[in-house]
Full PDB file with SEQRES, HELIX, SHEET, SSBOND, CRYST1, ORIGX, SCALE, CONECT and MASTER records, all heavy atoms in Angstrom:
SEQRES   1 A   36  LEU THR LEU SER PRO TYR THR PRO THR PHE ARG ASP ARG          
SEQRES   2 A   36  VAL SER PRO PRO GLY VAL MET ILE ARG PRO TYR LEU ASN          
SEQRES   3 A   36  GLY PHE THR ILE ALA PHE ASN VAL SER GLN                      
CRYST1    1.000    1.000    1.000  90.00  90.00  90.00 P 1           1          
ORIGX1      1.000000  0.000000  0.000000        0.00000                         
ORIGX2      0.000000  1.000000  0.000000        0.00000                         
ORIGX3      0.000000  0.000000  1.000000        0.00000                         
SCALE1      1.000000  0.000000  0.000000        0.00000                         
SCALE2      0.000000  1.000000  0.000000        0.00000                         
SCALE3      0.000000  0.000000  1.000000        0.00000                         
ATOM      1  N   LEU A   1     -37.564 -23.864  20.373  1.00  0.00           N  
ATOM      2  CA  LEU A   1     -37.796 -23.706  21.799  1.00  0.00           C  
ATOM      3  C   LEU A   1     -37.423 -24.954  22.591  1.00  0.00           C  
ATOM      4  O   LEU A   1     -37.193 -24.888  23.798  1.00  0.00           O  
ATOM      5  CB  LEU A   1     -39.265 -23.347  22.060  1.00  0.00           C  
ATOM      6  CG  LEU A   1     -39.720 -21.957  21.602  1.00  0.00           C  
ATOM      7  CD1 LEU A   1     -41.200 -21.773  21.858  1.00  0.00           C  
ATOM      8  CD2 LEU A   1     -38.928 -20.872  22.326  1.00  0.00           C  
ATOM      9  N   THR A   2     -37.373 -26.089  21.913  1.00  0.00           N  
ATOM     10  CA  THR A   2     -37.049 -27.342  22.603  1.00  0.00           C  
ATOM     11  C   THR A   2     -35.541 -27.557  22.730  1.00  0.00           C  
ATOM     12  O   THR A   2     -35.111 -28.481  23.424  1.00  0.00           O  
ATOM     13  CB  THR A   2     -37.653 -28.546  21.861  1.00  0.00           C  
ATOM     14  OG1 THR A   2     -37.005 -28.687  20.581  1.00  0.00           O  
ATOM     15  CG2 THR A   2     -39.153 -28.356  21.646  1.00  0.00           C  
ATOM     16  N   LEU A   3     -34.734 -26.723  22.044  1.00  0.00           N  
ATOM     17  CA  LEU A   3     -33.285 -26.900  22.084  1.00  0.00           C  
ATOM     18  C   LEU A   3     -32.693 -26.218  23.310  1.00  0.00           C  
ATOM     19  O   LEU A   3     -33.090 -25.115  23.671  1.00  0.00           O  
ATOM     20  CB  LEU A   3     -32.642 -26.323  20.820  1.00  0.00           C  
ATOM     21  CG  LEU A   3     -33.074 -26.949  19.498  1.00  0.00           C  
ATOM     22  CD1 LEU A   3     -32.384 -26.241  18.339  1.00  0.00           C  
ATOM     23  CD2 LEU A   3     -32.743 -28.439  19.471  1.00  0.00           C  
ATOM     24  N   SER A   4     -31.733 -26.887  23.947  1.00  0.00           N  
ATOM     25  CA  SER A   4     -31.062 -26.315  25.106  1.00  0.00           C  
ATOM     26  C   SER A   4     -29.878 -25.471  24.653  1.00  0.00           C  
ATOM     27  O   SER A   4     -29.091 -25.910  23.816  1.00  0.00           O  
ATOM     28  CB  SER A   4     -30.573 -27.424  26.039  1.00  0.00           C  
ATOM     29  OG  SER A   4     -29.708 -26.885  27.036  1.00  0.00           O  
ATOM     30  N   PRO A   5     -29.724 -24.269  25.204  1.00  0.00           N  
ATOM     31  CA  PRO A   5     -28.548 -23.457  24.859  1.00  0.00           C  
ATOM     32  C   PRO A   5     -27.287 -23.926  25.574  1.00  0.00           C  
ATOM     33  O   PRO A   5     -26.199 -23.425  25.314  1.00  0.00           O  
ATOM     34  CB  PRO A   5     -28.947 -22.056  25.323  1.00  0.00           C  
ATOM     35  CG  PRO A   5     -29.862 -22.307  26.479  1.00  0.00           C  
ATOM     36  CD  PRO A   5     -30.624 -23.566  26.136  1.00  0.00           C  
ATOM     37  N   TYR A   6     -27.431 -24.889  26.481  1.00  0.00           N  
ATOM     38  CA  TYR A   6     -26.312 -25.302  27.319  1.00  0.00           C  
ATOM     39  C   TYR A   6     -25.612 -26.563  26.831  1.00  0.00           C  
ATOM     40  O   TYR A   6     -24.397 -26.678  26.933  1.00  0.00           O  
ATOM     41  CB  TYR A   6     -26.781 -25.519  28.762  1.00  0.00           C  
ATOM     42  CG  TYR A   6     -27.459 -24.303  29.339  1.00  0.00           C  
ATOM     43  CD1 TYR A   6     -28.837 -24.276  29.511  1.00  0.00           C  
ATOM     44  CD2 TYR A   6     -26.734 -23.178  29.689  1.00  0.00           C  
ATOM     45  CE1 TYR A   6     -29.472 -23.160  30.032  1.00  0.00           C  
ATOM     46  CE2 TYR A   6     -27.359 -22.047  30.202  1.00  0.00           C  
ATOM     47  CZ  TYR A   6     -28.730 -22.048  30.372  1.00  0.00           C  
ATOM     48  OH  TYR A   6     -29.349 -20.938  30.867  1.00  0.00           O  
ATOM     49  N   THR A   7     -26.360 -27.516  26.325  1.00  0.00           N  
ATOM     50  CA  THR A   7     -25.749 -28.766  25.863  1.00  0.00           C  
ATOM     51  C   THR A   7     -26.361 -29.192  24.540  1.00  0.00           C  
ATOM     52  O   THR A   7     -27.551 -28.954  24.287  1.00  0.00           O  
ATOM     53  CB  THR A   7     -25.962 -29.909  26.873  1.00  0.00           C  
ATOM     54  OG1 THR A   7     -27.371 -30.081  27.106  1.00  0.00           O  
ATOM     55  CG2 THR A   7     -25.261 -29.614  28.181  1.00  0.00           C  
ATOM     56  N   PRO A   8     -25.586 -29.838  23.658  1.00  0.00           N  
ATOM     57  CA  PRO A   8     -26.128 -30.346  22.400  1.00  0.00           C  
ATOM     58  C   PRO A   8     -27.209 -31.397  22.661  1.00  0.00           C  
ATOM     59  O   PRO A   8     -27.143 -32.148  23.635  1.00  0.00           O  
ATOM     60  CB  PRO A   8     -24.907 -30.974  21.713  1.00  0.00           C  
ATOM     61  CG  PRO A   8     -23.716 -30.382  22.383  1.00  0.00           C  
ATOM     62  CD  PRO A   8     -24.136 -30.103  23.776  1.00  0.00           C  
ATOM     63  N   THR A   9     -28.185 -31.455  21.777  1.00  0.00           N  
ATOM     64  CA  THR A   9     -29.270 -32.418  21.938  1.00  0.00           C  
ATOM     65  C   THR A   9     -28.762 -33.844  21.765  1.00  0.00           C  
ATOM     66  O   THR A   9     -29.129 -34.751  22.501  1.00  0.00           O  
ATOM     67  CB  THR A   9     -30.395 -32.129  20.927  1.00  0.00           C  
ATOM     68  OG1 THR A   9     -30.832 -30.775  21.104  1.00  0.00           O  
ATOM     69  CG2 THR A   9     -31.566 -33.076  21.136  1.00  0.00           C  
ATOM     70  N   PHE A  10     -27.922 -34.061  20.764  1.00  0.00           N  
ATOM     71  CA  PHE A  10     -27.404 -35.392  20.491  1.00  0.00           C  
ATOM     72  C   PHE A  10     -25.900 -35.415  20.745  1.00  0.00           C  
ATOM     73  O   PHE A  10     -25.155 -34.659  20.135  1.00  0.00           O  
ATOM     74  CB  PHE A  10     -27.702 -35.805  19.043  1.00  0.00           C  
ATOM     75  CG  PHE A  10     -29.178 -35.847  18.736  1.00  0.00           C  
ATOM     76  CD1 PHE A  10     -29.770 -34.844  17.977  1.00  0.00           C  
ATOM     77  CD2 PHE A  10     -29.974 -36.865  19.220  1.00  0.00           C  
ATOM     78  CE1 PHE A  10     -31.130 -34.857  17.710  1.00  0.00           C  
ATOM     79  CE2 PHE A  10     -31.344 -36.892  18.946  1.00  0.00           C  
ATOM     80  CZ  PHE A  10     -31.916 -35.892  18.186  1.00  0.00           C  
ATOM     81  N   ARG A  11     -25.461 -36.316  21.639  1.00  0.00           N  
ATOM     82  CA  ARG A  11     -24.046 -36.422  21.963  1.00  0.00           C  
ATOM     83  C   ARG A  11     -23.559 -37.868  21.888  1.00  0.00           C  
ATOM     84  O   ARG A  11     -22.547 -38.215  22.473  1.00  0.00           O  
ATOM     85  CB  ARG A  11     -23.774 -35.863  23.359  1.00  0.00           C  
ATOM     86  CG  ARG A  11     -23.894 -34.360  23.434  1.00  0.00           C  
ATOM     87  CD  ARG A  11     -23.488 -33.851  24.795  1.00  0.00           C  
ATOM     88  NE  ARG A  11     -24.504 -34.161  25.790  1.00  0.00           N  
ATOM     89  CZ  ARG A  11     -24.373 -33.926  27.088  1.00  0.00           C  
ATOM     90  NH1 ARG A  11     -23.261 -33.387  27.545  1.00  0.00           N  
ATOM     91  NH2 ARG A  11     -25.323 -34.230  27.933  1.00  0.00           N  
ATOM     92  N   ASP A  12     -24.290 -38.697  21.150  1.00  0.00           N  
ATOM     93  CA  ASP A  12     -23.911 -40.110  21.088  1.00  0.00           C  
ATOM     94  C   ASP A  12     -22.847 -40.355  20.024  1.00  0.00           C  
ATOM     95  O   ASP A  12     -22.246 -41.426  19.990  1.00  0.00           O  
ATOM     96  CB  ASP A  12     -25.142 -40.985  20.818  1.00  0.00           C  
ATOM     97  CG  ASP A  12     -25.900 -40.591  19.549  1.00  0.00           C  
ATOM     98  OD1 ASP A  12     -25.756 -39.432  19.133  1.00  0.00           O  
ATOM     99  OD2 ASP A  12     -26.625 -41.447  18.991  1.00  0.00           O  
ATOM    100  N   ARG A  13     -22.575 -39.376  19.169  1.00  0.00           N  
ATOM    101  CA  ARG A  13     -21.559 -39.531  18.132  1.00  0.00           C  
ATOM    102  C   ARG A  13     -20.628 -38.324  18.114  1.00  0.00           C  
ATOM    103  O   ARG A  13     -20.487 -37.646  17.111  1.00  0.00           O  
ATOM    104  CB  ARG A  13     -22.210 -39.720  16.763  1.00  0.00           C  
ATOM    105  CG  ARG A  13     -22.992 -41.025  16.627  1.00  0.00           C  
ATOM    106  CD  ARG A  13     -23.524 -41.209  15.225  1.00  0.00           C  
ATOM    107  NE  ARG A  13     -24.259 -42.455  15.087  1.00  0.00           N  
ATOM    108  CZ  ARG A  13     -24.837 -42.884  13.953  1.00  0.00           C  
ATOM    109  NH1 ARG A  13     -24.747 -42.119  12.863  1.00  0.00           N  
ATOM    110  NH2 ARG A  13     -25.490 -44.028  13.908  1.00  0.00           N  
ATOM    111  N   VAL A  14     -20.028 -38.071  19.241  1.00  0.00           N  
ATOM    112  CA  VAL A  14     -19.123 -36.928  19.351  1.00  0.00           C  
ATOM    113  C   VAL A  14     -17.826 -37.237  18.606  1.00  0.00           C  
ATOM    114  O   VAL A  14     -17.210 -38.274  18.814  1.00  0.00           O  
ATOM    115  CB  VAL A  14     -18.825 -36.619  20.829  1.00  0.00           C  
ATOM    116  CG1 VAL A  14     -17.811 -35.485  20.933  1.00  0.00           C  
ATOM    117  CG2 VAL A  14     -20.103 -36.245  21.556  1.00  0.00           C  
ATOM    118  N   SER A  15     -17.424 -36.341  17.725  1.00  0.00           N  
ATOM    119  CA  SER A  15     -16.198 -36.539  16.961  1.00  0.00           C  
ATOM    120  C   SER A  15     -14.990 -36.358  17.874  1.00  0.00           C  
ATOM    121  O   SER A  15     -15.021 -35.565  18.808  1.00  0.00           O  
ATOM    122  CB  SER A  15     -16.122 -35.528  15.815  1.00  0.00           C  
ATOM    123  OG  SER A  15     -17.196 -35.705  14.922  1.00  0.00           O  
ATOM    124  N   PRO A  16     -13.897 -37.082  17.611  1.00  0.00           N  
ATOM    125  CA  PRO A  16     -12.659 -36.860  18.354  1.00  0.00           C  
ATOM    126  C   PRO A  16     -12.171 -35.436  18.124  1.00  0.00           C  
ATOM    127  O   PRO A  16     -12.518 -34.799  17.126  1.00  0.00           O  
ATOM    128  CB  PRO A  16     -11.693 -37.891  17.750  1.00  0.00           C  
ATOM    129  CG  PRO A  16     -12.558 -38.909  17.093  1.00  0.00           C  
ATOM    130  CD  PRO A  16     -13.765 -38.164  16.625  1.00  0.00           C  
ATOM    131  N   PRO A  17     -11.348 -34.920  19.018  1.00  0.00           N  
ATOM    132  CA  PRO A  17     -10.964 -33.501  18.944  1.00  0.00           C  
ATOM    133  C   PRO A  17      -9.918 -33.210  17.882  1.00  0.00           C  
ATOM    134  O   PRO A  17      -9.042 -34.025  17.590  1.00  0.00           O  
ATOM    135  CB  PRO A  17     -10.399 -33.229  20.337  1.00  0.00           C  
ATOM    136  CG  PRO A  17      -9.874 -34.556  20.781  1.00  0.00           C  
ATOM    137  CD  PRO A  17     -10.822 -35.570  20.217  1.00  0.00           C  
ATOM    138  N   GLY A  18     -10.027 -32.020  17.332  1.00  0.00           N  
ATOM    139  CA  GLY A  18      -8.954 -31.468  16.520  1.00  0.00           C  
ATOM    140  C   GLY A  18      -8.004 -30.715  17.423  1.00  0.00           C  
ATOM    141  O   GLY A  18      -8.248 -30.554  18.629  1.00  0.00           O  
ATOM    142  N   VAL A  19      -6.898 -30.245  16.873  1.00  0.00           N  
ATOM    143  CA  VAL A  19      -5.916 -29.532  17.682  1.00  0.00           C  
ATOM    144  C   VAL A  19      -5.462 -28.263  16.959  1.00  0.00           C  
ATOM    145  O   VAL A  19      -5.637 -28.117  15.749  1.00  0.00           O  
ATOM    146  CB  VAL A  19      -4.678 -30.413  17.999  1.00  0.00           C  
ATOM    147  CG1 VAL A  19      -5.066 -31.576  18.887  1.00  0.00           C  
ATOM    148  CG2 VAL A  19      -4.027 -30.923  16.734  1.00  0.00           C  
ATOM    149  N   MET A  20      -4.867 -27.369  17.746  1.00  0.00           N  
ATOM    150  CA  MET A  20      -4.360 -26.116  17.214  1.00  0.00           C  
ATOM    151  C   MET A  20      -3.103 -25.745  17.978  1.00  0.00           C  
ATOM    152  O   MET A  20      -2.893 -26.206  19.107  1.00  0.00           O  
ATOM    153  CB  MET A  20      -5.413 -25.010  17.336  1.00  0.00           C  
ATOM    154  CG  MET A  20      -5.087 -23.748  16.572  1.00  0.00           C  
ATOM    155  SD  MET A  20      -4.833 -24.055  14.811  1.00  0.00           S  
ATOM    156  CE  MET A  20      -4.386 -22.446  14.232  1.00  0.00           C  
ATOM    157  N   ILE A  21      -2.269 -24.904  17.372  1.00  0.00           N  
ATOM    158  CA  ILE A  21      -1.028 -24.484  18.018  1.00  0.00           C  
ATOM    159  C   ILE A  21      -1.031 -22.980  18.278  1.00  0.00           C  
ATOM    160  O   ILE A  21      -1.755 -22.215  17.654  1.00  0.00           O  
ATOM    161  CB  ILE A  21       0.220 -24.854  17.168  1.00  0.00           C  
ATOM    162  CG1 ILE A  21       0.137 -24.206  15.775  1.00  0.00           C  
ATOM    163  CG2 ILE A  21       0.406 -26.357  17.104  1.00  0.00           C  
ATOM    164  CD1 ILE A  21       1.437 -24.324  14.980  1.00  0.00           C  
ATOM    165  N   ARG A  22      -0.200 -22.596  19.217  1.00  0.00           N  
ATOM    166  CA  ARG A  22       0.149 -21.209  19.477  1.00  0.00           C  
ATOM    167  C   ARG A  22       1.665 -21.143  19.617  1.00  0.00           C  
ATOM    168  O   ARG A  22       2.232 -22.014  20.249  1.00  0.00           O  
ATOM    169  CB  ARG A  22      -0.529 -20.684  20.744  1.00  0.00           C  
ATOM    170  CG  ARG A  22      -2.041 -20.594  20.654  1.00  0.00           C  
ATOM    171  CD  ARG A  22      -2.472 -19.484  19.698  1.00  0.00           C  
ATOM    172  NE  ARG A  22      -3.920 -19.289  19.719  1.00  0.00           N  
ATOM    173  CZ  ARG A  22      -4.804 -19.994  19.041  1.00  0.00           C  
ATOM    174  NH1 ARG A  22      -4.358 -20.972  18.263  1.00  0.00           N  
ATOM    175  NH2 ARG A  22      -6.086 -19.741  19.118  1.00  0.00           N  
ATOM    176  N   PRO A  23       2.342 -20.152  19.056  1.00  0.00           N  
ATOM    177  CA  PRO A  23       1.774 -19.015  18.333  1.00  0.00           C  
ATOM    178  C   PRO A  23       1.264 -19.409  16.951  1.00  0.00           C  
ATOM    179  O   PRO A  23       1.763 -20.361  16.344  1.00  0.00           O  
ATOM    180  CB  PRO A  23       2.960 -18.056  18.225  1.00  0.00           C  
ATOM    181  CG  PRO A  23       4.154 -18.951  18.172  1.00  0.00           C  
ATOM    182  CD  PRO A  23       3.827 -20.092  19.093  1.00  0.00           C  
ATOM    183  N   TYR A  24       0.264 -18.671  16.505  1.00  0.00           N  
ATOM    184  CA  TYR A  24      -0.251 -18.838  15.146  1.00  0.00           C  
ATOM    185  C   TYR A  24      -0.385 -17.439  14.553  1.00  0.00           C  
ATOM    186  O   TYR A  24      -1.287 -16.691  14.907  1.00  0.00           O  
ATOM    187  CB  TYR A  24      -1.597 -19.558  15.158  1.00  0.00           C  
ATOM    188  CG  TYR A  24      -2.215 -19.685  13.790  1.00  0.00           C  
ATOM    189  CD1 TYR A  24      -1.701 -20.577  12.860  1.00  0.00           C  
ATOM    190  CD2 TYR A  24      -3.307 -18.897  13.425  1.00  0.00           C  
ATOM    191  CE1 TYR A  24      -2.256 -20.698  11.598  1.00  0.00           C  
ATOM    192  CE2 TYR A  24      -3.863 -19.002  12.163  1.00  0.00           C  
ATOM    193  CZ  TYR A  24      -3.341 -19.901  11.254  1.00  0.00           C  
ATOM    194  OH  TYR A  24      -3.879 -20.010   9.991  1.00  0.00           O  
ATOM    195  N   LEU A  25       0.534 -17.084  13.682  1.00  0.00           N  
ATOM    196  CA  LEU A  25       0.547 -15.735  13.131  1.00  0.00           C  
ATOM    197  C   LEU A  25       0.262 -15.714  11.644  1.00  0.00           C  
ATOM    198  O   LEU A  25      -0.741 -15.154  11.197  1.00  0.00           O  
ATOM    199  CB  LEU A  25       1.905 -15.068  13.403  1.00  0.00           C  
ATOM    200  CG  LEU A  25       2.264 -14.835  14.877  1.00  0.00           C  
ATOM    201  CD1 LEU A  25       3.620 -14.170  14.978  1.00  0.00           C  
ATOM    202  CD2 LEU A  25       1.202 -13.989  15.560  1.00  0.00           C  
ATOM    203  N   ASN A  26       1.141 -16.327  10.867  1.00  0.00           N  
ATOM    204  CA  ASN A  26       1.007 -16.281   9.408  1.00  0.00           C  
ATOM    205  C   ASN A  26       1.052 -17.699   8.839  1.00  0.00           C  
ATOM    206  O   ASN A  26       1.998 -18.085   8.169  1.00  0.00           O  
ATOM    207  CB  ASN A  26       2.127 -15.434   8.802  1.00  0.00           C  
ATOM    208  CG  ASN A  26       2.127 -14.009   9.349  1.00  0.00           C  
ATOM    209  OD1 ASN A  26       1.110 -13.330   9.294  1.00  0.00           O  
ATOM    210  ND2 ASN A  26       3.255 -13.579   9.888  1.00  0.00           N  
ATOM    211  N   GLY A  27       0.010 -18.467   9.153  1.00  0.00           N  
ATOM    212  CA  GLY A  27      -0.011 -19.839   8.678  1.00  0.00           C  
ATOM    213  C   GLY A  27       0.787 -20.756   9.592  1.00  0.00           C  
ATOM    214  O   GLY A  27       1.115 -20.421  10.727  1.00  0.00           O  
ATOM    215  N   PHE A  28       1.154 -21.898   9.063  1.00  0.00           N  
ATOM    216  CA  PHE A  28       1.763 -22.939   9.883  1.00  0.00           C  
ATOM    217  C   PHE A  28       3.260 -23.080   9.625  1.00  0.00           C  
ATOM    218  O   PHE A  28       3.813 -24.171   9.721  1.00  0.00           O  
ATOM    219  CB  PHE A  28       1.033 -24.267   9.651  1.00  0.00           C  
ATOM    220  CG  PHE A  28      -0.381 -24.242  10.156  1.00  0.00           C  
ATOM    221  CD1 PHE A  28      -1.434 -23.961   9.299  1.00  0.00           C  
ATOM    222  CD2 PHE A  28      -0.645 -24.466  11.496  1.00  0.00           C  
ATOM    223  CE1 PHE A  28      -2.727 -23.918   9.772  1.00  0.00           C  
ATOM    224  CE2 PHE A  28      -1.939 -24.426  11.975  1.00  0.00           C  
ATOM    225  CZ  PHE A  28      -2.990 -24.145  11.120  1.00  0.00           C  
ATOM    226  N   THR A  29       3.890 -21.976   9.291  1.00  0.00           N  
ATOM    227  CA  THR A  29       5.347 -21.938   9.206  1.00  0.00           C  
ATOM    228  C   THR A  29       5.868 -20.956  10.242  1.00  0.00           C  
ATOM    229  O   THR A  29       5.500 -19.775  10.243  1.00  0.00           O  
ATOM    230  CB  THR A  29       5.825 -21.516   7.806  1.00  0.00           C  
ATOM    231  OG1 THR A  29       5.409 -22.496   6.849  1.00  0.00           O  
ATOM    232  CG2 THR A  29       7.348 -21.413   7.777  1.00  0.00           C  
ATOM    233  N   ILE A  30       6.696 -21.454  11.157  1.00  0.00           N  
ATOM    234  CA  ILE A  30       7.315 -20.619  12.166  1.00  0.00           C  
ATOM    235  C   ILE A  30       8.769 -20.434  11.752  1.00  0.00           C  
ATOM    236  O   ILE A  30       9.578 -21.364  11.836  1.00  0.00           O  
ATOM    237  CB  ILE A  30       7.193 -21.262  13.554  1.00  0.00           C  
ATOM    238  CG1 ILE A  30       5.711 -21.340  13.947  1.00  0.00           C  
ATOM    239  CG2 ILE A  30       7.991 -20.475  14.593  1.00  0.00           C  
ATOM    240  CD1 ILE A  30       5.450 -22.035  15.258  1.00  0.00           C  
ATOM    241  N   ALA A  31       9.074 -19.252  11.252  1.00  0.00           N  
ATOM    242  CA  ALA A  31      10.392 -18.989  10.664  1.00  0.00           C  
ATOM    243  C   ALA A  31      11.011 -17.754  11.313  1.00  0.00           C  
ATOM    244  O   ALA A  31      10.349 -16.709  11.442  1.00  0.00           O  
ATOM    245  CB  ALA A  31      10.262 -18.794   9.158  1.00  0.00           C  
ATOM    246  N   PHE A  32      12.269 -17.864  11.712  1.00  0.00           N  
ATOM    247  CA  PHE A  32      12.967 -16.723  12.306  1.00  0.00           C  
ATOM    248  C   PHE A  32      14.468 -16.989  12.301  1.00  0.00           C  
ATOM    249  O   PHE A  32      14.918 -18.129  12.119  1.00  0.00           O  
ATOM    250  CB  PHE A  32      12.488 -16.476  13.743  1.00  0.00           C  
ATOM    251  CG  PHE A  32      12.746 -17.617  14.690  1.00  0.00           C  
ATOM    252  CD1 PHE A  32      13.888 -17.645  15.477  1.00  0.00           C  
ATOM    253  CD2 PHE A  32      11.849 -18.671  14.796  1.00  0.00           C  
ATOM    254  CE1 PHE A  32      14.135 -18.688  16.353  1.00  0.00           C  
ATOM    255  CE2 PHE A  32      12.091 -19.726  15.678  1.00  0.00           C  
ATOM    256  CZ  PHE A  32      13.234 -19.740  16.450  1.00  0.00           C  
ATOM    257  N   ASN A  33      15.223 -15.913  12.482  1.00  0.00           N  
ATOM    258  CA  ASN A  33      16.668 -15.992  12.632  1.00  0.00           C  
ATOM    259  C   ASN A  33      17.035 -15.602  14.060  1.00  0.00           C  
ATOM    260  O   ASN A  33      16.611 -14.540  14.541  1.00  0.00           O  
ATOM    261  CB  ASN A  33      17.383 -15.060  11.642  1.00  0.00           C  
ATOM    262  CG  ASN A  33      17.202 -15.518  10.208  1.00  0.00           C  
ATOM    263  OD1 ASN A  33      17.226 -16.709   9.919  1.00  0.00           O  
ATOM    264  ND2 ASN A  33      17.021 -14.550   9.304  1.00  0.00           N  
ATOM    265  N   VAL A  34      17.794 -16.442  14.708  1.00  0.00           N  
ATOM    266  CA  VAL A  34      18.147 -16.208  16.106  1.00  0.00           C  
ATOM    267  C   VAL A  34      18.845 -14.858  16.285  1.00  0.00           C  
ATOM    268  O   VAL A  34      18.599 -14.134  17.265  1.00  0.00           O  
ATOM    269  CB  VAL A  34      19.053 -17.353  16.619  1.00  0.00           C  
ATOM    270  CG1 VAL A  34      19.507 -17.081  18.054  1.00  0.00           C  
ATOM    271  CG2 VAL A  34      18.323 -18.685  16.543  1.00  0.00           C  
ATOM    272  N   SER A  35      19.699 -14.489  15.354  1.00  0.00           N  
ATOM    273  CA  SER A  35      20.482 -13.262  15.479  1.00  0.00           C  
ATOM    274  C   SER A  35      19.697 -12.002  15.133  1.00  0.00           C  
ATOM    275  O   SER A  35      20.217 -10.894  15.272  1.00  0.00           O  
ATOM    276  CB  SER A  35      21.719 -13.344  14.570  1.00  0.00           C  
ATOM    277  OG  SER A  35      21.334 -13.493  13.217  1.00  0.00           O  
ATOM    278  N   GLN A  36      18.430 -12.154  14.712  1.00  0.00           N  
ATOM    279  CA  GLN A  36      17.602 -11.007  14.346  1.00  0.00           C  
ATOM    280  C   GLN A  36      16.332 -11.001  15.197  1.00  0.00           C  
ATOM    281  O   GLN A  36      15.320 -11.604  14.825  1.00  0.00           O  
ATOM    282  CB  GLN A  36      17.240 -11.061  12.857  1.00  0.00           C  
ATOM    283  CG  GLN A  36      18.453 -10.970  11.934  1.00  0.00           C  
ATOM    284  CD  GLN A  36      18.060 -11.117  10.477  1.00  0.00           C  
ATOM    285  OE1 GLN A  36      17.504 -12.143  10.057  1.00  0.00           O  
ATOM    286  NE2 GLN A  36      18.359 -10.090   9.688  1.00  0.00           N  
TER     287      GLN A  36                                                      
MASTER        0    0    0    0    0    0    0    6  286    1    0    3          
END                                                                             
């Protein structure tokens, strides 16, 4: 009951951000043929 649903209780050690790409379909290989 003491926890806020809006902000984390402890924010003094926030980890640096990870990243992600789009498009992401079948893993991290983007493979195609221009003529197809």
